[in-house]
Amino acid sequence: TCAKSRPYQDQTLDSKFFQLEHTKPLFKEHKILTMENLYTYHTFMEAFKILKFRCPSSLHDQFNISHRKETTLIAPFGSANNFISRSTSMWNAIAPKFKLQDYSYKIGQAPVLCVDTTA
């Protein structure tokens, strides 16, 4: 039920509150990520790989990197429900917690990951 419809004294977060979420204690006990956490993890990691390796360039070019702080992404205009807008908001929320300073390679250290096969 909605918290507003319950009396104030019944709005505590105890074991009774988690009865509807019967799988949550099992996931926590066995250290398994929930579907929502898996989605967040994989979206963040894909964004990190795209930004670090600049590959595929078609996706990298869609990210708008801030000129003031290179580890911050600027959200695209509008509330599009696509990978770029979602990963941008996730990146800006999660990346500061890891204190990433730079996700680019130094010149000469970058591996060749994207191979142009059209030529």
PDB file of N, CA and C in Angstrom:
ATOM      1  N   THR A   1       0.840  -1.188   0.000  1.00  0.00           N
ATOM      2  CA  THR A   1       0.000   0.000   0.000  1.00  0.00           C
ATOM      3  C   THR A   1       0.875   1.237   0.000  1.00  0.00           C
ATOM      4  N   CYS A   2       0.287   2.319  -0.386  1.00  0.00           N
ATOM      5  CA  CYS A   2       0.987   3.593  -0.436  1.00  0.00           C
ATOM      6  C   CYS A   2       1.309   4.074   0.983  1.00  0.00           C
ATOM      7  N   ALA A   3       2.466   4.669   1.170  1.00  0.00           N
ATOM      8  CA  ALA A   3       2.873   5.144   2.495  1.00  0.00           C
ATOM      9  C   ALA A   3       1.904   6.195   3.033  1.00  0.00           C
ATOM     10  N   LYS A   4       1.319   6.983   2.148  1.00  0.00           N
ATOM     11  CA  LYS A   4       0.393   8.024   2.597  1.00  0.00           C
ATOM     12  C   LYS A   4      -0.902   7.435   3.148  1.00  0.00           C
ATOM     13  N   SER A   5      -1.275   6.245   2.688  1.00  0.00           N
ATOM     14  CA  SER A   5      -2.526   5.655   3.138  1.00  0.00           C
ATOM     15  C   SER A   5      -2.366   4.849   4.428  1.00  0.00           C
ATOM     16  N   ARG A   6      -1.103   4.595   4.846  1.00  0.00           N
ATOM     17  CA  ARG A   6      -0.864   3.871   6.094  1.00  0.00           C
ATOM     18  C   ARG A   6      -0.702   4.859   7.234  1.00  0.00           C
ATOM     19  N   PRO A   7      -1.112   4.478   8.429  1.00  0.00           N
ATOM     20  CA  PRO A   7      -0.873   5.351   9.590  1.00  0.00           C
ATOM     21  C   PRO A   7       0.626   5.550   9.796  1.00  0.00           C
ATOM     22  N   TYR A   8       0.999   6.675  10.370  1.00  0.00           N
ATOM     23  CA  TYR A   8       2.405   7.043  10.523  1.00  0.00           C
ATOM     24  C   TYR A   8       3.196   5.976  11.279  1.00  0.00           C
ATOM     25  N   GLN A   9       2.637   5.403  12.331  1.00  0.00           N
ATOM     26  CA  GLN A   9       3.359   4.407  13.123  1.00  0.00           C
ATOM     27  C   GLN A   9       3.604   3.116  12.348  1.00  0.00           C
ATOM     28  N   ASP A  10       2.880   2.878  11.248  1.00  0.00           N
ATOM     29  CA  ASP A  10       3.065   1.680  10.433  1.00  0.00           C
ATOM     30  C   ASP A  10       4.020   1.899   9.255  1.00  0.00           C
ATOM     31  N   GLN A  11       4.680   3.045   9.200  1.00  0.00           N
ATOM     32  CA  GLN A  11       5.549   3.371   8.074  1.00  0.00           C
ATOM     33  C   GLN A  11       7.018   3.083   8.369  1.00  0.00           C
ATOM     34  N   THR A  12       7.291   2.137   9.239  1.00  0.00           N
ATOM     35  CA  THR A  12       8.672   1.782   9.547  1.00  0.00           C
ATOM     36  C   THR A  12       9.177   0.724   8.578  1.00  0.00           C
ATOM     37  N   LEU A  13      10.475   0.715   8.355  1.00  0.00           N
ATOM     38  CA  LEU A  13      11.089  -0.249   7.445  1.00  0.00           C
ATOM     39  C   LEU A  13      11.610  -1.441   8.246  1.00  0.00           C
ATOM     40  N   ASP A  14      10.730  -2.322   8.603  1.00  0.00           N
ATOM     41  CA  ASP A  14      11.117  -3.515   9.339  1.00  0.00           C
ATOM     42  C   ASP A  14      10.866  -4.752   8.471  1.00  0.00           C
ATOM     43  N   SER A  15      10.959  -5.933   9.066  1.00  0.00           N
ATOM     44  CA  SER A  15      10.772  -7.165   8.286  1.00  0.00           C
ATOM     45  C   SER A  15       9.371  -7.268   7.703  1.00  0.00           C
ATOM     46  N   LYS A  16       8.380  -6.671   8.370  1.00  0.00           N
ATOM     47  CA  LYS A  16       7.003  -6.685   7.863  1.00  0.00           C
ATOM     48  C   LYS A  16       6.900  -5.909   6.539  1.00  0.00           C
ATOM     49  N   PHE A  17       7.693  -4.849   6.416  1.00  0.00           N
ATOM     50  CA  PHE A  17       7.684  -4.033   5.208  1.00  0.00           C
ATOM     51  C   PHE A  17       8.172  -4.841   4.008  1.00  0.00           C
ATOM     52  N   PHE A  18       9.142  -5.728   4.198  1.00  0.00           N
ATOM     53  CA  PHE A  18       9.742  -6.471   3.097  1.00  0.00           C
ATOM     54  C   PHE A  18       9.020  -7.776   2.781  1.00  0.00           C
ATOM     55  N   GLN A  19       7.855  -7.996   3.354  1.00  0.00           N
ATOM     56  CA  GLN A  19       7.127  -9.222   3.076  1.00  0.00           C
ATOM     57  C   GLN A  19       6.714  -9.309   1.612  1.00  0.00           C
ATOM     58  N   LEU A  20       6.406  -8.171   1.001  1.00  0.00           N
ATOM     59  CA  LEU A  20       6.029  -8.193  -0.410  1.00  0.00           C
ATOM     60  C   LEU A  20       7.233  -8.457  -1.302  1.00  0.00           C
ATOM     61  N   GLU A  21       8.407  -8.115  -0.835  1.00  0.00           N
ATOM     62  CA  GLU A  21       9.629  -8.361  -1.584  1.00  0.00           C
ATOM     63  C   GLU A  21      10.278  -9.629  -1.040  1.00  0.00           C
ATOM     64  N   HIS A  22       9.672 -10.754  -1.300  1.00  0.00           N
ATOM     65  CA  HIS A  22      10.123 -12.006  -0.714  1.00  0.00           C
ATOM     66  C   HIS A  22      11.463 -12.495  -1.252  1.00  0.00           C
ATOM     67  N   THR A  23      11.894 -12.012  -2.419  1.00  0.00           N
ATOM     68  CA  THR A  23      13.168 -12.462  -2.978  1.00  0.00           C
ATOM     69  C   THR A  23      14.342 -11.603  -2.527  1.00  0.00           C
ATOM     70  N   LYS A  24      14.080 -10.409  -2.023  1.00  0.00           N
ATOM     71  CA  LYS A  24      15.158  -9.498  -1.657  1.00  0.00           C
ATOM     72  C   LYS A  24      16.120 -10.091  -0.628  1.00  0.00           C
ATOM     73  N   PRO A  25      15.637 -10.720   0.451  1.00  0.00           N
ATOM     74  CA  PRO A  25      16.582 -11.324   1.403  1.00  0.00           C
ATOM     75  C   PRO A  25      17.423 -12.442   0.781  1.00  0.00           C
ATOM     76  N   LEU A  26      16.844 -13.203  -0.135  1.00  0.00           N
ATOM     77  CA  LEU A  26      17.605 -14.266  -0.800  1.00  0.00           C
ATOM     78  C   LEU A  26      18.707 -13.695  -1.685  1.00  0.00           C
ATOM     79  N   PHE A  27      18.387 -12.659  -2.430  1.00  0.00           N
ATOM     80  CA  PHE A  27      19.381 -12.015  -3.284  1.00  0.00           C
ATOM     81  C   PHE A  27      20.513 -11.452  -2.433  1.00  0.00           C
ATOM     82  N   LYS A  28      20.160 -10.839  -1.327  1.00  0.00           N
ATOM     83  CA  LYS A  28      21.163 -10.241  -0.457  1.00  0.00           C
ATOM     84  C   LYS A  28      22.023 -11.319   0.200  1.00  0.00           C
ATOM     85  N   GLU A  29      21.409 -12.378   0.652  1.00  0.00           N
ATOM     86  CA  GLU A  29      22.126 -13.468   1.314  1.00  0.00           C
ATOM     87  C   GLU A  29      23.134 -14.134   0.382  1.00  0.00           C
ATOM     88  N   HIS A  30      22.749 -14.350  -0.872  1.00  0.00           N
ATOM     89  CA  HIS A  30      23.615 -15.032  -1.827  1.00  0.00           C
ATOM     90  C   HIS A  30      24.427 -14.066  -2.696  1.00  0.00           C
ATOM     91  N   LYS A  31      24.334 -12.783  -2.380  1.00  0.00           N
ATOM     92  CA  LYS A  31      25.084 -11.735  -3.085  1.00  0.00           C
ATOM     93  C   LYS A  31      24.832 -11.771  -4.591  1.00  0.00           C
ATOM     94  N   ILE A  32      23.547 -11.787  -4.953  1.00  0.00           N
ATOM     95  CA  ILE A  32      23.117 -11.789  -6.350  1.00  0.00           C
ATOM     96  C   ILE A  32      22.517 -10.424  -6.667  1.00  0.00           C
ATOM     97  N   LEU A  33      22.885  -9.856  -7.796  1.00  0.00           N
ATOM     98  CA  LEU A  33      22.323  -8.578  -8.206  1.00  0.00           C
ATOM     99  C   LEU A  33      20.910  -8.771  -8.748  1.00  0.00           C
ATOM    100  N   THR A  34      20.050  -7.818  -8.444  1.00  0.00           N
ATOM    101  CA  THR A  34      18.692  -7.853  -8.982  1.00  0.00           C
ATOM    102  C   THR A  34      18.732  -7.443 -10.451  1.00  0.00           C
ATOM    103  N   MET A  35      17.633  -7.622 -11.151  1.00  0.00           N
ATOM    104  CA  MET A  35      17.576  -7.256 -12.568  1.00  0.00           C
ATOM    105  C   MET A  35      17.846  -5.766 -12.759  1.00  0.00           C
ATOM    106  N   GLU A  36      17.291  -4.940 -11.892  1.00  0.00           N
ATOM    107  CA  GLU A  36      17.504  -3.492 -12.007  1.00  0.00           C
ATOM    108  C   GLU A  36      18.985  -3.155 -11.810  1.00  0.00           C
ATOM    109  N   ASN A  37      19.626  -3.788 -10.836  1.00  0.00           N
ATOM    110  CA  ASN A  37      21.052  -3.540 -10.597  1.00  0.00           C
ATOM    111  C   ASN A  37      21.913  -4.075 -11.736  1.00  0.00           C
ATOM    112  N   LEU A  38      21.535  -5.210 -12.308  1.00  0.00           N
ATOM    113  CA  LEU A  38      22.254  -5.744 -13.461  1.00  0.00           C
ATOM    114  C   LEU A  38      22.154  -4.802 -14.654  1.00  0.00           C
ATOM    115  N   TYR A  39      20.964  -4.258 -14.870  1.00  0.00           N
ATOM    116  CA  TYR A  39      20.760  -3.312 -15.974  1.00  0.00           C
ATOM    117  C   TYR A  39      21.641  -2.080 -15.783  1.00  0.00           C
ATOM    118  N   THR A  40      21.643  -1.546 -14.568  1.00  0.00           N
ATOM    119  CA  THR A  40      22.460  -0.364 -14.267  1.00  0.00           C
ATOM    120  C   THR A  40      23.941  -0.675 -14.456  1.00  0.00           C
ATOM    121  N   TYR A  41      24.384  -1.807 -13.951  1.00  0.00           N
ATOM    122  CA  TYR A  41      25.788  -2.201 -14.053  1.00  0.00           C
ATOM    123  C   TYR A  41      26.225  -2.328 -15.507  1.00  0.00           C
ATOM    124  N   HIS A  42      25.453  -3.056 -16.305  1.00  0.00           N
ATOM    125  CA  HIS A  42      25.849  -3.282 -17.697  1.00  0.00           C
ATOM    126  C   HIS A  42      25.751  -2.007 -18.536  1.00  0.00           C
ATOM    127  N   THR A  43      24.765  -1.174 -18.270  1.00  0.00           N
ATOM    128  CA  THR A  43      24.657   0.096 -18.998  1.00  0.00           C
ATOM    129  C   THR A  43      25.846   0.993 -18.680  1.00  0.00           C
ATOM    130  N   PHE A  44      26.202   1.080 -17.396  1.00  0.00           N
ATOM    131  CA  PHE A  44      27.354   1.896 -16.998  1.00  0.00           C
ATOM    132  C   PHE A  44      28.647   1.360 -17.610  1.00  0.00           C
ATOM    133  N   MET A  45      28.831   0.037 -17.578  1.00  0.00           N
ATOM    134  CA  MET A  45      30.059  -0.548 -18.118  1.00  0.00           C
ATOM    135  C   MET A  45      30.160  -0.361 -19.635  1.00  0.00           C
ATOM    136  N   GLU A  46      29.047  -0.474 -20.331  1.00  0.00           N
ATOM    137  CA  GLU A  46      29.069  -0.246 -21.783  1.00  0.00           C
ATOM    138  C   GLU A  46      29.421   1.211 -22.090  1.00  0.00           C
ATOM    139  N   ALA A  47      28.832   2.138 -21.334  1.00  0.00           N
ATOM    140  CA  ALA A  47      29.160   3.552 -21.532  1.00  0.00           C
ATOM    141  C   ALA A  47      30.645   3.788 -21.254  1.00  0.00           C
ATOM    142  N   PHE A  48      31.167   3.180 -20.196  1.00  0.00           N
ATOM    143  CA  PHE A  48      32.590   3.328 -19.866  1.00  0.00           C
ATOM    144  C   PHE A  48      33.466   2.813 -21.005  1.00  0.00           C
ATOM    145  N   LYS A  49      33.154   1.647 -21.547  1.00  0.00           N
ATOM    146  CA  LYS A  49      33.953   1.074 -22.631  1.00  0.00           C
ATOM    147  C   LYS A  49      33.886   1.946 -23.887  1.00  0.00           C
ATOM    148  N   ILE A  50      32.705   2.459 -24.178  1.00  0.00           N
ATOM    149  CA  ILE A  50      32.550   3.316 -25.366  1.00  0.00           C
ATOM    150  C   ILE A  50      33.366   4.589 -25.204  1.00  0.00           C
ATOM    151  N   LEU A  51      33.332   5.184 -24.001  1.00  0.00           N
ATOM    152  CA  LEU A  51      34.079   6.418 -23.767  1.00  0.00           C
ATOM    153  C   LEU A  51      35.584   6.163 -23.703  1.00  0.00           C
ATOM    154  N   LYS A  52      35.998   5.067 -23.111  1.00  0.00           N
ATOM    155  CA  LYS A  52      37.428   4.768 -22.959  1.00  0.00           C
ATOM    156  C   LYS A  52      38.076   4.374 -24.281  1.00  0.00           C
ATOM    157  N   PHE A  53      37.440   3.466 -25.012  1.00  0.00           N
ATOM    158  CA  PHE A  53      38.040   2.943 -26.232  1.00  0.00           C
ATOM    159  C   PHE A  53      37.578   3.672 -27.486  1.00  0.00           C
ATOM    160  N   ARG A  54      36.608   4.596 -27.333  1.00  0.00           N
ATOM    161  CA  ARG A  54      36.071   5.380 -28.456  1.00  0.00           C
ATOM    162  C   ARG A  54      35.613   4.489 -29.602  1.00  0.00           C
ATOM    163  N   CYS A  55      35.008   3.385 -29.213  1.00  0.00           N
ATOM    164  CA  CYS A  55      34.578   2.407 -30.198  1.00  0.00           C
ATOM    165  C   CYS A  55      33.280   1.763 -29.723  1.00  0.00           C
ATOM    166  N   PRO A  56      32.262   1.643 -30.485  1.00  0.00           N
ATOM    167  CA  PRO A  56      32.115   2.071 -31.880  1.00  0.00           C
ATOM    168  C   PRO A  56      31.968   3.589 -31.965  1.00  0.00           C
ATOM    169  N   SER A  57      32.575   4.139 -32.956  1.00  0.00           N
ATOM    170  CA  SER A  57      32.596   5.596 -33.096  1.00  0.00           C
ATOM    171  C   SER A  57      31.200   6.177 -33.311  1.00  0.00           C
ATOM    172  N   SER A  58      30.300   5.385 -33.884  1.00  0.00           N
ATOM    173  CA  SER A  58      28.937   5.888 -34.099  1.00  0.00           C
ATOM    174  C   SER A  58      28.243   6.177 -32.768  1.00  0.00           C
ATOM    175  N   LEU A  59      28.520   5.388 -31.750  1.00  0.00           N
ATOM    176  CA  LEU A  59      27.951   5.665 -30.423  1.00  0.00           C
ATOM    177  C   LEU A  59      28.771   6.708 -29.674  1.00  0.00           C
ATOM    178  N   HIS A  60      30.086   6.641 -29.779  1.00  0.00           N
ATOM    179  CA  HIS A  60      30.941   7.604 -29.084  1.00  0.00           C
ATOM    180  C   HIS A  60      30.628   9.027 -29.519  1.00  0.00           C
ATOM    181  N   ASP A  61      30.367   9.216 -30.783  1.00  0.00           N
ATOM    182  CA  ASP A  61      30.074  10.556 -31.299  1.00  0.00           C
ATOM    183  C   ASP A  61      28.755  11.113 -30.773  1.00  0.00           C
ATOM    184  N   GLN A  62      27.873  10.269 -30.277  1.00  0.00           N
ATOM    185  CA  GLN A  62      26.590  10.745 -29.759  1.00  0.00           C
ATOM    186  C   GLN A  62      26.687  11.243 -28.319  1.00  0.00           C
ATOM    187  N   PHE A  63      27.743  10.854 -27.599  1.00  0.00           N
ATOM    188  CA  PHE A  63      27.942  11.355 -26.245  1.00  0.00           C
ATOM    189  C   PHE A  63      28.466  12.781 -26.313  1.00  0.00           C
ATOM    190  N   ASN A  64      27.928  13.643 -25.475  1.00  0.00           N
ATOM    191  CA  ASN A  64      28.349  15.036 -25.435  1.00  0.00           C
ATOM    192  C   ASN A  64      29.157  15.236 -24.153  1.00  0.00           C
ATOM    193  N   ILE A  65      30.481  15.275 -24.287  1.00  0.00           N
ATOM    194  CA  ILE A  65      31.382  15.394 -23.142  1.00  0.00           C
ATOM    195  C   ILE A  65      31.560  16.865 -22.792  1.00  0.00           C
ATOM    196  N   SER A  66      31.466  17.173 -21.513  1.00  0.00           N
ATOM    197  CA  SER A  66      31.599  18.549 -21.039  1.00  0.00           C
ATOM    198  C   SER A  66      33.017  19.062 -21.284  1.00  0.00           C
ATOM    199  N   HIS A  67      33.128  20.325 -21.686  1.00  0.00           N
ATOM    200  CA  HIS A  67      34.441  20.930 -21.899  1.00  0.00           C
ATOM    201  C   HIS A  67      35.050  21.400 -20.576  1.00  0.00           C
ATOM    202  N   ARG A  68      34.209  21.645 -19.585  1.00  0.00           N
ATOM    203  CA  ARG A  68      34.695  22.100 -18.281  1.00  0.00           C
ATOM    204  C   ARG A  68      35.253  20.951 -17.450  1.00  0.00           C
ATOM    205  N   LYS A  69      34.575  19.818 -17.485  1.00  0.00           N
ATOM    206  CA  LYS A  69      35.008  18.655 -16.714  1.00  0.00           C
ATOM    207  C   LYS A  69      34.855  17.440 -17.621  1.00  0.00           C
ATOM    208  N   GLU A  70      35.953  16.873 -18.035  1.00  0.00           N
ATOM    209  CA  GLU A  70      35.942  15.829 -19.061  1.00  0.00           C
ATOM    210  C   GLU A  70      35.302  14.525 -18.607  1.00  0.00           C
ATOM    211  N   THR A  71      35.084  14.349 -17.313  1.00  0.00           N
ATOM    212  CA  THR A  71      34.452  13.115 -16.840  1.00  0.00           C
ATOM    213  C   THR A  71      32.947  13.273 -16.674  1.00  0.00           C
ATOM    214  N   THR A  72      32.409  14.415 -17.090  1.00  0.00           N
ATOM    215  CA  THR A  72      30.967  14.658 -17.008  1.00  0.00           C
ATOM    216  C   THR A  72      30.380  14.660 -18.408  1.00  0.00           C
ATOM    217  N   LEU A  73      29.234  14.033 -18.543  1.00  0.00           N
ATOM    218  CA  LEU A  73      28.531  14.016 -19.825  1.00  0.00           C
ATOM    219  C   LEU A  73      27.350  14.970 -19.762  1.00  0.00           C
ATOM    220  N   ILE A  74      27.088  15.631 -20.856  1.00  0.00           N
ATOM    221  CA  ILE A  74      25.961  16.545 -20.948  1.00  0.00           C
ATOM    222  C   ILE A  74      24.783  15.777 -21.528  1.00  0.00           C
ATOM    223  N   ALA A  75      23.661  15.859 -20.830  1.00  0.00           N
ATOM    224  CA  ALA A  75      22.468  15.124 -21.251  1.00  0.00           C
ATOM    225  C   ALA A  75      21.924  15.691 -22.558  1.00  0.00           C
ATOM    226  N   PRO A  76      21.462  14.821 -23.452  1.00  0.00           N
ATOM    227  CA  PRO A  76      20.873  15.297 -24.701  1.00  0.00           C
ATOM    228  C   PRO A  76      19.548  16.007 -24.431  1.00  0.00           C
ATOM    229  N   PHE A  77      19.174  16.893 -25.346  1.00  0.00           N
ATOM    230  CA  PHE A  77      17.928  17.634 -25.193  1.00  0.00           C
ATOM    231  C   PHE A  77      16.728  16.710 -25.317  1.00  0.00           C
ATOM    232  N   GLY A  78      15.684  17.016 -24.589  1.00  0.00           N
ATOM    233  CA  GLY A  78      14.484  16.181 -24.620  1.00  0.00           C
ATOM    234  C   GLY A  78      14.632  15.007 -23.671  1.00  0.00           C
ATOM    235  N   SER A  79      13.557  14.340 -23.455  1.00  0.00           N
ATOM    236  CA  SER A  79      13.591  13.189 -22.554  1.00  0.00           C
ATOM    237  C   SER A  79      13.495  11.896 -23.364  1.00  0.00           C
ATOM    238  N   ALA A  80      14.462  11.703 -24.229  1.00  0.00           N
ATOM    239  CA  ALA A  80      14.466  10.507 -25.065  1.00  0.00           C
ATOM    240  C   ALA A  80      14.711   9.276 -24.204  1.00  0.00           C
ATOM    241  N   ASN A  81      14.055   8.209 -24.551  1.00  0.00           N
ATOM    242  CA  ASN A  81      14.185   6.969 -23.804  1.00  0.00           C
ATOM    243  C   ASN A  81      15.087   6.024 -24.598  1.00  0.00           C
ATOM    244  N   ASN A  82      16.370   6.405 -24.724  1.00  0.00           N
ATOM    245  CA  ASN A  82      17.298   5.585 -25.489  1.00  0.00           C
ATOM    246  C   ASN A  82      18.581   5.356 -24.693  1.00  0.00           C
ATOM    247  N   PHE A  83      19.487   4.586 -25.253  1.00  0.00           N
ATOM    248  CA  PHE A  83      20.715   4.223 -24.552  1.00  0.00           C
ATOM    249  C   PHE A  83      21.544   5.437 -24.176  1.00  0.00           C
ATOM    250  N   ILE A  84      21.687   6.399 -25.084  1.00  0.00           N
ATOM    251  CA  ILE A  84      22.551   7.559 -24.829  1.00  0.00           C
ATOM    252  C   ILE A  84      22.026   8.381 -23.659  1.00  0.00           C
ATOM    253  N   SER A  85      20.734   8.681 -23.643  1.00  0.00           N
ATOM    254  CA  SER A  85      20.201   9.515 -22.557  1.00  0.00           C
ATOM    255  C   SER A  85      20.223   8.779 -21.219  1.00  0.00           C
ATOM    256  N   ARG A  86      19.881   7.492 -21.227  1.00  0.00           N
ATOM    257  CA  ARG A  86      19.903   6.732 -19.971  1.00  0.00           C
ATOM    258  C   ARG A  86      21.323   6.537 -19.452  1.00  0.00           C
ATOM    259  N   SER A  87      22.238   6.195 -20.334  1.00  0.00           N
ATOM    260  CA  SER A  87      23.610   5.977 -19.882  1.00  0.00           C
ATOM    261  C   SER A  87      24.269   7.282 -19.442  1.00  0.00           C
ATOM    262  N   THR A  88      23.888   8.410 -20.052  1.00  0.00           N
ATOM    263  CA  THR A  88      24.409   9.703 -19.624  1.00  0.00           C
ATOM    264  C   THR A  88      23.982  10.017 -18.200  1.00  0.00           C
ATOM    265  N   SER A  89      22.706   9.819 -17.893  1.00  0.00           N
ATOM    266  CA  SER A  89      22.243  10.100 -16.536  1.00  0.00           C
ATOM    267  C   SER A  89      22.853   9.122 -15.532  1.00  0.00           C
ATOM    268  N   MET A  90      22.988   7.848 -15.914  1.00  0.00           N
ATOM    269  CA  MET A  90      23.630   6.875 -15.025  1.00  0.00           C
ATOM    270  C   MET A  90      25.098   7.226 -14.820  1.00  0.00           C
ATOM    271  N   TRP A  91      25.780   7.605 -15.893  1.00  0.00           N
ATOM    272  CA  TRP A  91      27.193   7.955 -15.810  1.00  0.00           C
ATOM    273  C   TRP A  91      27.402   9.115 -14.836  1.00  0.00           C
ATOM    274  N   ASN A  92      26.610  10.164 -14.982  1.00  0.00           N
ATOM    275  CA  ASN A  92      26.777  11.339 -14.129  1.00  0.00           C
ATOM    276  C   ASN A  92      26.423  11.052 -12.668  1.00  0.00           C
ATOM    277  N   ALA A  93      25.589  10.051 -12.421  1.00  0.00           N
ATOM    278  CA  ALA A  93      25.231   9.699 -11.052  1.00  0.00           C
ATOM    279  C   ALA A  93      26.254   8.754 -10.422  1.00  0.00           C
ATOM    280  N   ILE A  94      26.827   7.857 -11.214  1.00  0.00           N
ATOM    281  CA  ILE A  94      27.688   6.813 -10.665  1.00  0.00           C
ATOM    282  C   ILE A  94      29.173   7.165 -10.746  1.00  0.00           C
ATOM    283  N   ALA A  95      29.620   7.752 -11.830  1.00  0.00           N
ATOM    284  CA  ALA A  95      31.051   7.997 -12.046  1.00  0.00           C
ATOM    285  C   ALA A  95      31.712   8.818 -10.928  1.00  0.00           C
ATOM    286  N   PRO A  96      31.068   9.846 -10.374  1.00  0.00           N
ATOM    287  CA  PRO A  96      31.736  10.587  -9.285  1.00  0.00           C
ATOM    288  C   PRO A  96      32.033   9.725  -8.057  1.00  0.00           C
ATOM    289  N   LYS A  97      31.255   8.687  -7.834  1.00  0.00           N
ATOM    290  CA  LYS A  97      31.509   7.799  -6.697  1.00  0.00           C
ATOM    291  C   LYS A  97      32.800   7.016  -6.868  1.00  0.00           C
ATOM    292  N   PHE A  98      33.206   6.764  -8.126  1.00  0.00           N
ATOM    293  CA  PHE A  98      34.454   6.059  -8.405  1.00  0.00           C
ATOM    294  C   PHE A  98      35.639   7.008  -8.516  1.00  0.00           C
ATOM    295  N   LYS A  99      35.357   8.303  -8.492  1.00  0.00           N
ATOM    296  CA  LYS A  99      36.392   9.345  -8.584  1.00  0.00           C
ATOM    297  C   LYS A  99      37.280   9.148  -9.807  1.00  0.00           C
ATOM    298  N   LEU A 100      36.638   8.924 -10.948  1.00  0.00           N
ATOM    299  CA  LEU A 100      37.376   8.770 -12.195  1.00  0.00           C
ATOM    300  C   LEU A 100      37.973  10.115 -12.588  1.00  0.00           C
ATOM    301  N   GLN A 101      39.247  10.137 -12.852  1.00  0.00           N
ATOM    302  CA  GLN A 101      39.908  11.366 -13.264  1.00  0.00           C
ATOM    303  C   GLN A 101      39.992  11.471 -14.782  1.00  0.00           C
ATOM    304  N   ASP A 102      40.238  10.335 -15.399  1.00  0.00           N
ATOM    305  CA  ASP A 102      40.433  10.335 -16.845  1.00  0.00           C
ATOM    306  C   ASP A 102      40.129   8.935 -17.363  1.00  0.00           C
ATOM    307  N   TYR A 103      39.437   8.841 -18.467  1.00  0.00           N
ATOM    308  CA  TYR A 103      39.165   7.540 -19.059  1.00  0.00           C
ATOM    309  C   TYR A 103      39.675   7.466 -20.481  1.00  0.00           C
ATOM    310  N   SER A 104      40.723   8.226 -20.756  1.00  0.00           N
ATOM    311  CA  SER A 104      41.307   8.180 -22.095  1.00  0.00           C
ATOM    312  C   SER A 104      42.699   7.555 -22.021  1.00  0.00           C
ATOM    313  N   TYR A 105      43.167   7.054 -23.151  1.00  0.00           N
ATOM    314  CA  TYR A 105      44.494   6.466 -23.232  1.00  0.00           C
ATOM    315  C   TYR A 105      45.523   7.545 -23.515  1.00  0.00           C
ATOM    316  N   LYS A 106      46.723   7.310 -23.080  1.00  0.00           N
ATOM    317  CA  LYS A 106      47.841   8.168 -23.463  1.00  0.00           C
ATOM    318  C   LYS A 106      48.224   7.799 -24.899  1.00  0.00           C
ATOM    319  N   ILE A 107      48.804   8.747 -25.607  1.00  0.00           N
ATOM    320  CA  ILE A 107      49.197   8.508 -27.001  1.00  0.00           C
ATOM    321  C   ILE A 107      50.227   7.382 -27.044  1.00  0.00           C
ATOM    322  N   GLY A 108      50.006   6.422 -27.904  1.00  0.00           N
ATOM    323  CA  GLY A 108      50.915   5.295 -28.067  1.00  0.00           C
ATOM    324  C   GLY A 108      50.549   4.100 -27.204  1.00  0.00           C
ATOM    325  N   GLN A 109      49.652   4.256 -26.235  1.00  0.00           N
ATOM    326  CA  GLN A 109      49.263   3.156 -25.369  1.00  0.00           C
ATOM    327  C   GLN A 109      47.915   2.554 -25.739  1.00  0.00           C
ATOM    328  N   ALA A 110      47.195   3.196 -26.621  1.00  0.00           N
ATOM    329  CA  ALA A 110      45.868   2.741 -26.963  1.00  0.00           C
ATOM    330  C   ALA A 110      45.932   1.505 -27.853  1.00  0.00           C
ATOM    331  N   PRO A 111      45.235   0.438 -27.461  1.00  0.00           N
ATOM    332  CA  PRO A 111      45.206  -0.745 -28.325  1.00  0.00           C
ATOM    333  C   PRO A 111      44.275  -0.508 -29.515  1.00  0.00           C
ATOM    334  N   VAL A 112      44.518  -1.212 -30.573  1.00  0.00           N
ATOM    335  CA  VAL A 112      43.657  -1.114 -31.747  1.00  0.00           C
ATOM    336  C   VAL A 112      42.484  -2.059 -31.528  1.00  0.00           C
ATOM    337  N   LEU A 113      41.321  -1.483 -31.227  1.00  0.00           N
ATOM    338  CA  LEU A 113      40.139  -2.298 -30.979  1.00  0.00           C
ATOM    339  C   LEU A 113      39.137  -2.232 -32.112  1.00  0.00           C
ATOM    340  N   CYS A 114      39.103  -1.106 -32.790  1.00  0.00           N
ATOM    341  CA  CYS A 114      38.169  -0.935 -33.905  1.00  0.00           C
ATOM    342  C   CYS A 114      38.956  -1.091 -35.200  1.00  0.00           C
ATOM    343  N   VAL A 115      38.554  -2.014 -35.978  1.00  0.00           N
ATOM    344  CA  VAL A 115      39.214  -2.256 -37.255  1.00  0.00           C
ATOM    345  C   VAL A 115      38.220  -1.942 -38.361  1.00  0.00           C
ATOM    346  N   ASP A 116      38.618  -1.073 -39.267  1.00  0.00           N
ATOM    347  CA  ASP A 116      37.744  -0.721 -40.379  1.00  0.00           C
ATOM    348  C   ASP A 116      37.835  -1.831 -41.424  1.00  0.00           C
ATOM    349  N   THR A 117      36.762  -2.578 -41.561  1.00  0.00           N
ATOM    350  CA  THR A 117      36.741  -3.693 -42.508  1.00  0.00           C
ATOM    351  C   THR A 117      36.101  -3.312 -43.834  1.00  0.00           C
ATOM    352  N   THR A 118      35.716  -2.036 -43.985  1.00  0.00           N
ATOM    353  CA  THR A 118      35.046  -1.625 -45.205  1.00  0.00           C
ATOM    354  C   THR A 118      36.056  -1.372 -46.326  1.00  0.00           C
ATOM    355  N   ALA A 119      37.317  -1.165 -45.985  1.00  0.00           N
ATOM    356  CA  ALA A 119      38.320  -0.829 -47.007  1.00  0.00           C
ATOM    357  C   ALA A 119      38.819  -2.043 -47.735  1.00  0.00           C
TER     358      ALA A 119
END
